[in-house]
Amino acid sequence: MEPAFADGEHLLVEPVRGDKELTPGQVVVARHPFKNIDVVKYVASQDGDYLALSSPQGDDSAQFGRVHRSTVFGIVRSNLSRRGVLARTP
């Protein structure tokens, strides 16, 4: 999700459990609905159990539609690479 996050950076992610509230603007880690990958996206909006995810570049809900909130497994709390805690991997 460049430019906010680059490949290889280490993120501190809080697991999402139960019915934890997800709000627009949060950065989350979710399972891509059609690819076998995890993605980092902004929550754009929520309609019941479905979320619209956005990204400055790359796939987002404009391409793959809303996703069920069960596909979200974490909320990004910090970018450890940019805080100098961990170095980026090559």
C-alpha atoms as a PDB file:
ATOM      1  CA  MET A   1       0.000   0.000   0.000  1.00  0.00           C
ATOM      2  CA  GLU A   2       2.639   2.431  -1.096  1.00  0.00           C
ATOM      3  CA  PRO A   3       3.389   5.213  -0.350  1.00  0.00           C
ATOM      4  CA  ALA A   4       2.097   4.651   3.206  1.00  0.00           C
ATOM      5  CA  PHE A   5       3.743   1.229   3.553  1.00  0.00           C
ATOM      6  CA  ALA A   6       6.377  -0.449   1.375  1.00  0.00           C
ATOM      7  CA  ASP A   7       7.011  -4.127   0.717  1.00  0.00           C
ATOM      8  CA  GLY A   8       9.305  -5.617   3.331  1.00  0.00           C
ATOM      9  CA  GLU A   9       8.424  -3.221   6.146  1.00  0.00           C
ATOM     10  CA  HIS A  10       7.541  -4.665   9.547  1.00  0.00           C
ATOM     11  CA  LEU A  11       4.138  -3.696  10.932  1.00  0.00           C
ATOM     12  CA  LEU A  12       2.794  -4.051  14.448  1.00  0.00           C
ATOM     13  CA  VAL A  13      -0.671  -5.566  14.020  1.00  0.00           C
ATOM     14  CA  GLU A  14      -3.339  -5.902  16.724  1.00  0.00           C
ATOM     15  CA  PRO A  15      -5.471  -9.008  16.156  1.00  0.00           C
ATOM     16  CA  VAL A  16      -9.174  -8.380  15.535  1.00  0.00           C
ATOM     17  CA  ARG A  17     -11.303 -10.499  17.850  1.00  0.00           C
ATOM     18  CA  GLY A  18     -15.046 -10.907  18.014  1.00  0.00           C
ATOM     19  CA  ASP A  19     -17.078  -7.867  17.125  1.00  0.00           C
ATOM     20  CA  LYS A  20     -14.319  -5.258  17.600  1.00  0.00           C
ATOM     21  CA  GLU A  21     -15.386  -2.027  15.941  1.00  0.00           C
ATOM     22  CA  LEU A  22     -13.663  -1.157  12.684  1.00  0.00           C
ATOM     23  CA  THR A  23     -13.867   2.485  11.676  1.00  0.00           C
ATOM     24  CA  PRO A  24     -13.198   4.405   8.463  1.00  0.00           C
ATOM     25  CA  GLY A  25      -9.583   5.519   8.235  1.00  0.00           C
ATOM     26  CA  GLN A  26      -8.145   2.551  10.117  1.00  0.00           C
ATOM     27  CA  VAL A  27      -5.434   0.564   8.377  1.00  0.00           C
ATOM     28  CA  VAL A  28      -6.200  -3.151   8.436  1.00  0.00           C
ATOM     29  CA  VAL A  29      -4.722  -6.442   7.253  1.00  0.00           C
ATOM     30  CA  ALA A  30      -7.228  -8.607   5.403  1.00  0.00           C
ATOM     31  CA  ARG A  31      -7.335 -11.630   3.149  1.00  0.00           C
ATOM     32  CA  HIS A  32      -7.754 -10.672  -0.525  1.00  0.00           C
ATOM     33  CA  PRO A  33     -11.113 -12.047  -1.718  1.00  0.00           C
ATOM     34  CA  PHE A  34      -9.762 -13.598  -4.947  1.00  0.00           C
ATOM     35  CA  LYS A  35      -6.011 -14.006  -4.476  1.00  0.00           C
ATOM     36  CA  ASN A  36      -4.173 -16.141  -1.951  1.00  0.00           C
ATOM     37  CA  ILE A  37      -2.514 -13.119  -0.302  1.00  0.00           C
ATOM     38  CA  ASP A  38      -2.945 -10.803   2.657  1.00  0.00           C
ATOM     39  CA  VAL A  39      -3.370  -7.097   1.917  1.00  0.00           C
ATOM     40  CA  VAL A  40      -2.943  -3.874   3.892  1.00  0.00           C
ATOM     41  CA  LYS A  41      -5.765  -1.389   3.173  1.00  0.00           C
ATOM     42  CA  TYR A  42      -7.663   1.543   4.655  1.00  0.00           C
ATOM     43  CA  VAL A  43     -11.228   1.005   5.828  1.00  0.00           C
ATOM     44  CA  ALA A  44     -13.252   3.346   3.594  1.00  0.00           C
ATOM     45  CA  SER A  45     -16.712   2.518   4.953  1.00  0.00           C
ATOM     46  CA  GLN A  46     -18.705  -0.155   6.726  1.00  0.00           C
ATOM     47  CA  ASP A  47     -22.206  -1.369   5.891  1.00  0.00           C
ATOM     48  CA  GLY A  48     -23.266  -3.975   8.420  1.00  0.00           C
ATOM     49  CA  ASP A  49     -20.788  -6.843   8.178  1.00  0.00           C
ATOM     50  CA  TYR A  50     -19.271  -5.606   4.924  1.00  0.00           C
ATOM     51  CA  LEU A  51     -16.379  -3.205   4.457  1.00  0.00           C
ATOM     52  CA  ALA A  52     -15.177  -1.124   1.558  1.00  0.00           C
ATOM     53  CA  LEU A  53     -11.386  -1.100   1.564  1.00  0.00           C
ATOM     54  CA  SER A  54      -9.294   1.554  -0.168  1.00  0.00           C
ATOM     55  CA  SER A  55      -5.706   1.943  -1.232  1.00  0.00           C
ATOM     56  CA  PRO A  56      -3.791   4.845  -2.781  1.00  0.00           C
ATOM     57  CA  GLN A  57      -2.468   2.408  -5.401  1.00  0.00           C
ATOM     58  CA  GLY A  58      -3.290  -1.186  -6.304  1.00  0.00           C
ATOM     59  CA  ASP A  59      -6.405  -3.297  -5.851  1.00  0.00           C
ATOM     60  CA  ASP A  60      -9.133  -2.159  -3.507  1.00  0.00           C
ATOM     61  CA  SER A  61     -12.923  -2.401  -3.243  1.00  0.00           C
ATOM     62  CA  ALA A  62     -13.286  -0.470  -6.502  1.00  0.00           C
ATOM     63  CA  GLN A  63     -11.859  -3.598  -8.192  1.00  0.00           C
ATOM     64  CA  PHE A  64     -12.941  -6.490  -5.948  1.00  0.00           C
ATOM     65  CA  GLY A  65     -16.016  -5.124  -4.134  1.00  0.00           C
ATOM     66  CA  ARG A  66     -16.861  -5.042  -0.459  1.00  0.00           C
ATOM     67  CA  VAL A  67     -15.392  -7.720   1.800  1.00  0.00           C
ATOM     68  CA  HIS A  68     -16.906  -9.458   4.801  1.00  0.00           C
ATOM     69  CA  ARG A  69     -15.437  -8.196   8.052  1.00  0.00           C
ATOM     70  CA  SER A  70     -14.362 -11.772   8.887  1.00  0.00           C
ATOM     71  CA  THR A  71     -11.614 -11.412   6.240  1.00  0.00           C
ATOM     72  CA  VAL A  72      -9.986  -8.706   8.401  1.00  0.00           C
ATOM     73  CA  PHE A  73      -7.658 -10.252  10.952  1.00  0.00           C
ATOM     74  CA  GLY A  74      -5.694  -7.273  12.225  1.00  0.00           C
ATOM     75  CA  ILE A  75      -5.443  -3.513  12.700  1.00  0.00           C
ATOM     76  CA  VAL A  76      -2.082  -1.906  11.911  1.00  0.00           C
ATOM     77  CA  ARG A  77      -0.893   0.003  14.973  1.00  0.00           C
ATOM     78  CA  SER A  78       2.641   0.989  13.963  1.00  0.00           C
ATOM     79  CA  ASN A  79       5.221   0.725  11.221  1.00  0.00           C
ATOM     80  CA  LEU A  80       8.224  -0.614  13.135  1.00  0.00           C
ATOM     81  CA  SER A  81      10.588  -0.195  10.187  1.00  0.00           C
ATOM     82  CA  ARG A  82      10.026   3.544   9.957  1.00  0.00           C
ATOM     83  CA  ARG A  83      10.287   4.040  13.709  1.00  0.00           C
ATOM     84  CA  GLY A  84      13.795   2.576  13.686  1.00  0.00           C
ATOM     85  CA  VAL A  85      12.724  -0.412  15.767  1.00  0.00           C
ATOM     86  CA  LEU A  86      13.330  -2.917  12.969  1.00  0.00           C
ATOM     87  CA  ALA A  87      15.164  -2.507   9.690  1.00  0.00           C
ATOM     88  CA  ARG A  88      13.468  -3.135   6.366  1.00  0.00           C
ATOM     89  CA  THR A  89      14.157  -6.509   4.849  1.00  0.00           C
ATOM     90  CA  PRO A  90      15.831  -6.583   1.421  1.00  0.00           C
END
